[in-house]
């Protein structure tokens, strides 16, 4: 099942903003999930071993990583595989 990309973010995160800007430039639909006041989403990220944001998942629900990982993902053509 496919859906929009998902970005876990928080307020004031410049890398979160950069990731969303990159997806906007590529005209990719995404869902932003703010973790600022969302204990369930914070717990999910922690359970996955993540301590930073953004955390980005592609349309197939596969974890990409953070902003630099997203850039590499597109630059190496992994989004086309």
PDB file of N, CA and C in Angstrom:
ATOM      1  N   UNK A   1       0.849  -1.182   0.000  1.00  0.00           N
ATOM      2  CA  UNK A   1       0.000   0.000   0.000  1.00  0.00           C
ATOM      3  C   UNK A   1       0.894   1.244   0.000  1.00  0.00           C
ATOM      4  N   UNK A   2       0.560   2.199  -0.837  1.00  0.00           N
ATOM      5  CA  UNK A   2       1.358   3.410  -0.907  1.00  0.00           C
ATOM      6  C   UNK A   2       0.570   4.589  -0.358  1.00  0.00           C
ATOM      7  N   UNK A   3       1.287   5.592   0.051  1.00  0.00           N
ATOM      8  CA  UNK A   3       0.679   6.800   0.587  1.00  0.00           C
ATOM      9  C   UNK A   3       1.681   7.921   0.497  1.00  0.00           C
ATOM     10  N   UNK A   4       1.390   9.018   1.140  1.00  0.00           N
ATOM     11  CA  UNK A   4       2.351  10.128   1.100  1.00  0.00           C
ATOM     12  C   UNK A   4       3.585   9.805   1.934  1.00  0.00           C
ATOM     13  N   UNK A   5       4.653  10.515   1.647  1.00  0.00           N
ATOM     14  CA  UNK A   5       5.815  10.452   2.525  1.00  0.00           C
ATOM     15  C   UNK A   5       5.378  10.949   3.900  1.00  0.00           C
ATOM     16  N   UNK A   6       6.068  10.515   4.948  1.00  0.00           N
ATOM     17  CA  UNK A   6       5.787  11.001   6.302  1.00  0.00           C
ATOM     18  C   UNK A   6       7.062  11.608   6.864  1.00  0.00           C
ATOM     19  N   UNK A   7       6.912  12.784   7.460  1.00  0.00           N
ATOM     20  CA  UNK A   7       8.039  13.459   8.095  1.00  0.00           C
ATOM     21  C   UNK A   7       7.668  13.749   9.539  1.00  0.00           C
ATOM     22  N   UNK A   8       8.433  13.170  10.446  1.00  0.00           N
ATOM     23  CA  UNK A   8       8.283  13.482  11.868  1.00  0.00           C
ATOM     24  C   UNK A   8       9.151  14.703  12.125  1.00  0.00           C
ATOM     25  N   UNK A   9       8.545  15.759  12.659  1.00  0.00           N
ATOM     26  CA  UNK A   9       9.256  17.024  12.832  1.00  0.00           C
ATOM     27  C   UNK A   9       8.882  17.676  14.156  1.00  0.00           C
ATOM     28  N   UNK A  10       9.566  18.777  14.430  1.00  0.00           N
ATOM     29  CA  UNK A  10       9.195  19.602  15.580  1.00  0.00           C
ATOM     30  C   UNK A  10       9.469  21.056  15.240  1.00  0.00           C
ATOM     31  N   UNK A  11       8.836  21.940  15.977  1.00  0.00           N
ATOM     32  CA  UNK A  11       8.979  23.379  15.747  1.00  0.00           C
ATOM     33  C   UNK A  11      10.424  23.806  15.925  1.00  0.00           C
ATOM     34  N   UNK A  12      10.872  24.713  15.059  1.00  0.00           N
ATOM     35  CA  UNK A  12      12.211  25.273  15.172  1.00  0.00           C
ATOM     36  C   UNK A  12      13.311  24.389  14.610  1.00  0.00           C
ATOM     37  N   UNK A  13      12.952  23.310  13.956  1.00  0.00           N
ATOM     38  CA  UNK A  13      13.934  22.365  13.405  1.00  0.00           C
ATOM     39  C   UNK A  13      14.268  22.770  11.976  1.00  0.00           C
ATOM     40  N   UNK A  14      15.478  23.294  11.764  1.00  0.00           N
ATOM     41  CA  UNK A  14      15.841  23.760  10.422  1.00  0.00           C
ATOM     42  C   UNK A  14      15.999  22.606   9.434  1.00  0.00           C
ATOM     43  N   UNK A  15      16.426  21.448   9.909  1.00  0.00           N
ATOM     44  CA  UNK A  15      16.552  20.297   9.018  1.00  0.00           C
ATOM     45  C   UNK A  15      15.178  19.755   8.618  1.00  0.00           C
ATOM     46  N   UNK A  16      14.213  19.860   9.518  1.00  0.00           N
ATOM     47  CA  UNK A  16      12.836  19.480   9.174  1.00  0.00           C
ATOM     48  C   UNK A  16      12.319  20.389   8.061  1.00  0.00           C
ATOM     49  N   UNK A  17      12.529  21.696   8.226  1.00  0.00           N
ATOM     50  CA  UNK A  17      12.090  22.658   7.217  1.00  0.00           C
ATOM     51  C   UNK A  17      12.787  22.402   5.879  1.00  0.00           C
ATOM     52  N   UNK A  18      14.088  22.095   5.930  1.00  0.00           N
ATOM     53  CA  UNK A  18      14.842  21.830   4.703  1.00  0.00           C
ATOM     54  C   UNK A  18      14.309  20.580   3.997  1.00  0.00           C
ATOM     55  N   UNK A  19      13.978  19.551   4.758  1.00  0.00           N
ATOM     56  CA  UNK A  19      13.442  18.324   4.167  1.00  0.00           C
ATOM     57  C   UNK A  19      12.099  18.593   3.491  1.00  0.00           C
ATOM     58  N   UNK A  20      11.245  19.356   4.145  1.00  0.00           N
ATOM     59  CA  UNK A  20       9.942  19.671   3.558  1.00  0.00           C
ATOM     60  C   UNK A  20      10.100  20.555   2.326  1.00  0.00           C
ATOM     61  N   UNK A  21      11.057  21.482   2.356  1.00  0.00           N
ATOM     62  CA  UNK A  21      11.335  22.316   1.178  1.00  0.00           C
ATOM     63  C   UNK A  21      11.781  21.451   0.003  1.00  0.00           C
ATOM     64  N   UNK A  22      12.642  20.467   0.274  1.00  0.00           N
ATOM     65  CA  UNK A  22      13.119  19.575  -0.777  1.00  0.00           C
ATOM     66  C   UNK A  22      11.965  18.774  -1.377  1.00  0.00           C
ATOM     67  N   UNK A  23      11.094  18.242  -0.534  1.00  0.00           N
ATOM     68  CA  UNK A  23       9.949  17.496  -1.044  1.00  0.00           C
ATOM     69  C   UNK A  23       9.001  18.406  -1.825  1.00  0.00           C
ATOM     70  N   UNK A  24       8.818  19.631  -1.348  1.00  0.00           N
ATOM     71  CA  UNK A  24       7.982  20.592  -2.075  1.00  0.00           C
ATOM     72  C   UNK A  24       8.554  20.856  -3.465  1.00  0.00           C
ATOM     73  N   UNK A  25       9.885  21.055  -3.551  1.00  0.00           N
ATOM     74  CA  UNK A  25      10.531  21.319  -4.850  1.00  0.00           C
ATOM     75  C   UNK A  25      10.368  20.147  -5.798  1.00  0.00           C
ATOM     76  N   UNK A  26      10.338  18.945  -5.262  1.00  0.00           N
ATOM     77  CA  UNK A  26      10.166  17.747  -6.080  1.00  0.00           C
ATOM     78  C   UNK A  26       8.682  17.400  -6.280  1.00  0.00           C
ATOM     79  N   UNK A  27       7.813  18.254  -5.729  1.00  0.00           N
ATOM     80  CA  UNK A  27       6.357  18.085  -5.848  1.00  0.00           C
ATOM     81  C   UNK A  27       5.908  16.724  -5.328  1.00  0.00           C
ATOM     82  N   UNK A  28       6.485  16.323  -4.200  1.00  0.00           N
ATOM     83  CA  UNK A  28       6.133  15.066  -3.549  1.00  0.00           C
ATOM     84  C   UNK A  28       5.199  15.371  -2.385  1.00  0.00           C
ATOM     85  N   UNK A  29       4.092  14.659  -2.347  1.00  0.00           N
ATOM     86  CA  UNK A  29       3.108  14.828  -1.283  1.00  0.00           C
ATOM     87  C   UNK A  29       3.658  14.191  -0.012  1.00  0.00           C
ATOM     88  N   UNK A  30       3.501  14.893   1.110  1.00  0.00           N
ATOM     89  CA  UNK A  30       3.958  14.348   2.392  1.00  0.00           C
ATOM     90  C   UNK A  30       3.008  14.761   3.500  1.00  0.00           C
ATOM     91  N   UNK A  31       3.072  13.990   4.566  1.00  0.00           N
ATOM     92  CA  UNK A  31       2.323  14.290   5.783  1.00  0.00           C
ATOM     93  C   UNK A  31       3.339  14.674   6.851  1.00  0.00           C
ATOM     94  N   UNK A  32       3.186  15.847   7.421  1.00  0.00           N
ATOM     95  CA  UNK A  32       4.057  16.270   8.512  1.00  0.00           C
ATOM     96  C   UNK A  32       3.426  15.844   9.837  1.00  0.00           C
ATOM     97  N   UNK A  33       4.204  15.164  10.646  1.00  0.00           N
ATOM     98  CA  UNK A  33       3.737  14.728  11.956  1.00  0.00           C
ATOM     99  C   UNK A  33       4.580  15.458  12.995  1.00  0.00           C
ATOM    100  N   UNK A  34       3.983  16.466  13.614  1.00  0.00           N
ATOM    101  CA  UNK A  34       4.690  17.259  14.632  1.00  0.00           C
ATOM    102  C   UNK A  34       4.716  16.486  15.945  1.00  0.00           C
ATOM    103  N   UNK A  35       5.892  16.392  16.541  1.00  0.00           N
ATOM    104  CA  UNK A  35       6.011  15.641  17.793  1.00  0.00           C
ATOM    105  C   UNK A  35       6.059  16.546  19.011  1.00  0.00           C
ATOM    106  N   UNK A  36       5.994  17.869  18.817  1.00  0.00           N
ATOM    107  CA  UNK A  36       6.131  18.827  19.923  1.00  0.00           C
ATOM    108  C   UNK A  36       5.298  18.453  21.146  1.00  0.00           C
ATOM    109  N   UNK A  37       4.016  18.258  20.950  1.00  0.00           N
ATOM    110  CA  UNK A  37       3.099  17.953  22.058  1.00  0.00           C
ATOM    111  C   UNK A  37       2.411  16.614  21.843  1.00  0.00           C
ATOM    112  N   UNK A  38       3.128  15.688  21.225  1.00  0.00           N
ATOM    113  CA  UNK A  38       2.526  14.413  20.879  1.00  0.00           C
ATOM    114  C   UNK A  38       3.349  13.279  21.488  1.00  0.00           C
ATOM    115  N   UNK A  39       2.990  12.896  22.698  1.00  0.00           N
ATOM    116  CA  UNK A  39       3.754  11.870  23.420  1.00  0.00           C
ATOM    117  C   UNK A  39       3.733  10.518  22.716  1.00  0.00           C
ATOM    118  N   UNK A  40       2.632  10.181  22.046  1.00  0.00           N
ATOM    119  CA  UNK A  40       2.555   8.903  21.339  1.00  0.00           C
ATOM    120  C   UNK A  40       3.574   8.843  20.204  1.00  0.00           C
ATOM    121  N   UNK A  41       3.685   9.918  19.441  1.00  0.00           N
ATOM    122  CA  UNK A  41       4.637   9.938  18.324  1.00  0.00           C
ATOM    123  C   UNK A  41       6.081   9.983  18.839  1.00  0.00           C
ATOM    124  N   UNK A  42       6.309  10.707  19.920  1.00  0.00           N
ATOM    125  CA  UNK A  42       7.647  10.710  20.529  1.00  0.00           C
ATOM    126  C   UNK A  42       8.023   9.306  20.977  1.00  0.00           C
ATOM    127  N   UNK A  43       7.072   8.598  21.585  1.00  0.00           N
ATOM    128  CA  UNK A  43       7.318   7.231  22.042  1.00  0.00           C
ATOM    129  C   UNK A  43       7.595   6.309  20.858  1.00  0.00           C
ATOM    130  N   UNK A  44       6.861   6.504  19.753  1.00  0.00           N
ATOM    131  CA  UNK A  44       7.106   5.697  18.557  1.00  0.00           C
ATOM    132  C   UNK A  44       8.533   5.896  18.065  1.00  0.00           C
ATOM    133  N   UNK A  45       8.955   7.147  17.922  1.00  0.00           N
ATOM    134  CA  UNK A  45      10.309   7.409  17.434  1.00  0.00           C
ATOM    135  C   UNK A  45      11.356   6.809  18.363  1.00  0.00           C
ATOM    136  N   UNK A  46      11.145   6.970  19.648  1.00  0.00           N
ATOM    137  CA  UNK A  46      12.079   6.413  20.635  1.00  0.00           C
ATOM    138  C   UNK A  46      12.136   4.888  20.537  1.00  0.00           C
ATOM    139  N   UNK A  47      10.975   4.262  20.327  1.00  0.00           N
ATOM    140  CA  UNK A  47      10.931   2.795  20.215  1.00  0.00           C
ATOM    141  C   UNK A  47      11.676   2.299  18.977  1.00  0.00           C
ATOM    142  N   UNK A  48      11.805   3.164  17.988  1.00  0.00           N
ATOM    143  CA  UNK A  48      12.533   2.820  16.773  1.00  0.00           C
ATOM    144  C   UNK A  48      14.024   3.135  16.887  1.00  0.00           C
ATOM    145  N   UNK A  49      14.411   3.707  18.031  1.00  0.00           N
ATOM    146  CA  UNK A  49      15.814   4.034  18.262  1.00  0.00           C
ATOM    147  C   UNK A  49      16.222   5.416  17.780  1.00  0.00           C
ATOM    148  N   UNK A  50      15.253   6.262  17.433  1.00  0.00           N
ATOM    149  CA  UNK A  50      15.548   7.603  16.928  1.00  0.00           C
ATOM    150  C   UNK A  50      15.503   8.615  18.057  1.00  0.00           C
ATOM    151  N   UNK A  51      16.476   9.532  18.036  1.00  0.00           N
ATOM    152  CA  UNK A  51      16.517  10.580  19.063  1.00  0.00           C
ATOM    153  C   UNK A  51      16.458  11.974  18.460  1.00  0.00           C
ATOM    154  N   UNK A  52      16.463  12.050  17.133  1.00  0.00           N
ATOM    155  CA  UNK A  52      16.455  13.346  16.456  1.00  0.00           C
ATOM    156  C   UNK A  52      15.372  13.378  15.387  1.00  0.00           C
ATOM    157  N   UNK A  53      15.032  14.567  14.967  1.00  0.00           N
ATOM    158  CA  UNK A  53      14.142  14.769  13.832  1.00  0.00           C
ATOM    159  C   UNK A  53      14.871  15.648  12.825  1.00  0.00           C
ATOM    160  N   UNK A  54      14.498  15.590  11.573  1.00  0.00           N
ATOM    161  CA  UNK A  54      13.368  14.843  11.048  1.00  0.00           C
ATOM    162  C   UNK A  54      13.684  13.356  10.905  1.00  0.00           C
ATOM    163  N   UNK A  55      12.634  12.577  10.920  1.00  0.00           N
ATOM    164  CA  UNK A  55      12.699  11.178  10.516  1.00  0.00           C
ATOM    165  C   UNK A  55      11.697  11.042   9.375  1.00  0.00           C
ATOM    166  N   UNK A  56      12.173  10.508   8.260  1.00  0.00           N
ATOM    167  CA  UNK A  56      11.388  10.532   7.031  1.00  0.00           C
ATOM    168  C   UNK A  56      11.165   9.108   6.525  1.00  0.00           C
ATOM    169  N   UNK A  57       9.935   8.860   6.101  1.00  0.00           N
ATOM    170  CA  UNK A  57       9.548   7.578   5.522  1.00  0.00           C
ATOM    171  C   UNK A  57       9.020   7.829   4.120  1.00  0.00           C
ATOM    172  N   UNK A  58       9.338   6.937   3.181  1.00  0.00           N
ATOM    173  CA  UNK A  58       8.857   7.112   1.814  1.00  0.00           C
ATOM    174  C   UNK A  58       7.408   6.649   1.673  1.00  0.00           C
ATOM    175  N   UNK A  59       6.916   6.679   0.440  1.00  0.00           N
ATOM    176  CA  UNK A  59       5.505   6.357   0.188  1.00  0.00           C
ATOM    177  C   UNK A  59       5.167   4.901   0.464  1.00  0.00           C
ATOM    178  N   UNK A  60       6.188   4.040   0.576  1.00  0.00           N
ATOM    179  CA  UNK A  60       5.968   2.633   0.889  1.00  0.00           C
ATOM    180  C   UNK A  60       6.100   2.345   2.372  1.00  0.00           C
ATOM    181  N   UNK A  61       6.374   3.391   3.159  1.00  0.00           N
ATOM    182  CA  UNK A  61       6.543   3.227   4.594  1.00  0.00           C
ATOM    183  C   UNK A  61       7.949   2.812   4.988  1.00  0.00           C
ATOM    184  N   UNK A  62       8.886   2.867   4.042  1.00  0.00           N
ATOM    185  CA  UNK A  62      10.278   2.508   4.321  1.00  0.00           C
ATOM    186  C   UNK A  62      11.012   3.715   4.905  1.00  0.00           C
ATOM    187  N   UNK A  63      11.782   3.484   5.938  1.00  0.00           N
ATOM    188  CA  UNK A  63      12.512   4.566   6.592  1.00  0.00           C
ATOM    189  C   UNK A  63      13.653   5.037   5.704  1.00  0.00           C
ATOM    190  N   UNK A  64      13.714   6.340   5.491  1.00  0.00           N
ATOM    191  CA  UNK A  64      14.803   6.947   4.723  1.00  0.00           C
ATOM    192  C   UNK A  64      15.871   7.471   5.660  1.00  0.00           C
ATOM    193  N   UNK A  65      15.466   8.179   6.704  1.00  0.00           N
ATOM    194  CA  UNK A  65      16.409   8.772   7.648  1.00  0.00           C
ATOM    195  C   UNK A  65      16.093  10.236   7.853  1.00  0.00           C
ATOM    196  N   UNK A  66      17.145  11.039   8.029  1.00  0.00           N
ATOM    197  CA  UNK A  66      16.991  12.468   8.238  1.00  0.00           C
ATOM    198  C   UNK A  66      17.141  13.247   6.939  1.00  0.00           C
ATOM    199  N   UNK A  67      17.381  14.541   7.071  1.00  0.00           N
ATOM    200  CA  UNK A  67      17.458  15.411   5.898  1.00  0.00           C
ATOM    201  C   UNK A  67      18.582  15.011   4.950  1.00  0.00           C
ATOM    202  N   UNK A  68      19.785  14.804   5.471  1.00  0.00           N
ATOM    203  CA  UNK A  68      20.918  14.448   4.613  1.00  0.00           C
ATOM    204  C   UNK A  68      20.668  13.095   3.929  1.00  0.00           C
ATOM    205  N   UNK A  69      20.045  12.183   4.642  1.00  0.00           N
ATOM    206  CA  UNK A  69      19.693  10.890   4.049  1.00  0.00           C
ATOM    207  C   UNK A  69      18.688  11.078   2.913  1.00  0.00           C
ATOM    208  N   UNK A  70      17.739  11.992   3.095  1.00  0.00           N
ATOM    209  CA  UNK A  70      16.750  12.273   2.060  1.00  0.00           C
ATOM    210  C   UNK A  70      17.432  12.838   0.813  1.00  0.00           C
ATOM    211  N   UNK A  71      18.365  13.764   1.014  1.00  0.00           N
ATOM    212  CA  UNK A  71      19.115  14.314  -0.125  1.00  0.00           C
ATOM    213  C   UNK A  71      19.845  13.207  -0.868  1.00  0.00           C
ATOM    214  N   UNK A  72      20.534  12.353  -0.128  1.00  0.00           N
ATOM    215  CA  UNK A  72      21.260  11.237  -0.742  1.00  0.00           C
ATOM    216  C   UNK A  72      20.306  10.289  -1.463  1.00  0.00           C
ATOM    217  N   UNK A  73      19.171  10.059  -0.867  1.00  0.00           N
ATOM    218  CA  UNK A  73      18.141   9.175  -1.421  1.00  0.00           C
ATOM    219  C   UNK A  73      17.758   9.620  -2.828  1.00  0.00           C
ATOM    220  N   UNK A  74      17.574  10.929  -3.008  1.00  0.00           N
ATOM    221  CA  UNK A  74      17.220  11.449  -4.325  1.00  0.00           C
ATOM    222  C   UNK A  74      18.431  11.527  -5.246  1.00  0.00           C
ATOM    223  N   UNK A  75      19.576  11.962  -4.716  1.00  0.00           N
ATOM    224  CA  UNK A  75      20.769  12.119  -5.550  1.00  0.00           C
ATOM    225  C   UNK A  75      21.269  10.794  -6.111  1.00  0.00           C
ATOM    226  N   UNK A  76      21.080   9.713  -5.376  1.00  0.00           N
ATOM    227  CA  UNK A  76      21.541   8.392  -5.830  1.00  0.00           C
ATOM    228  C   UNK A  76      20.459   7.622  -6.580  1.00  0.00           C
ATOM    229  N   UNK A  77      19.288   8.232  -6.742  1.00  0.00           N
ATOM    230  CA  UNK A  77      18.216   7.623  -7.513  1.00  0.00           C
ATOM    231  C   UNK A  77      17.479   6.507  -6.798  1.00  0.00           C
ATOM    232  N   UNK A  78      17.644   6.405  -5.487  1.00  0.00           N
ATOM    233  CA  UNK A  78      16.962   5.348  -4.761  1.00  0.00           C
ATOM    234  C   UNK A  78      15.444   5.484  -4.814  1.00  0.00           C
ATOM    235  N   UNK A  79      14.961   6.686  -5.060  1.00  0.00           N
ATOM    236  CA  UNK A  79      13.506   6.894  -5.158  1.00  0.00           C
ATOM    237  C   UNK A  79      12.938   6.283  -6.442  1.00  0.00           C
ATOM    238  N   UNK A  80      13.814   5.914  -7.365  1.00  0.00           N
ATOM    239  CA  UNK A  80      13.373   5.347  -8.649  1.00  0.00           C
ATOM    240  C   UNK A  80      13.398   3.824  -8.656  1.00  0.00           C
ATOM    241  N   UNK A  81      13.944   3.224  -7.615  1.00  0.00           N
ATOM    242  CA  UNK A  81      14.115   1.766  -7.582  1.00  0.00           C
ATOM    243  C   UNK A  81      12.790   1.071  -7.416  1.00  0.00           C
TER     244      UNK A  81
END
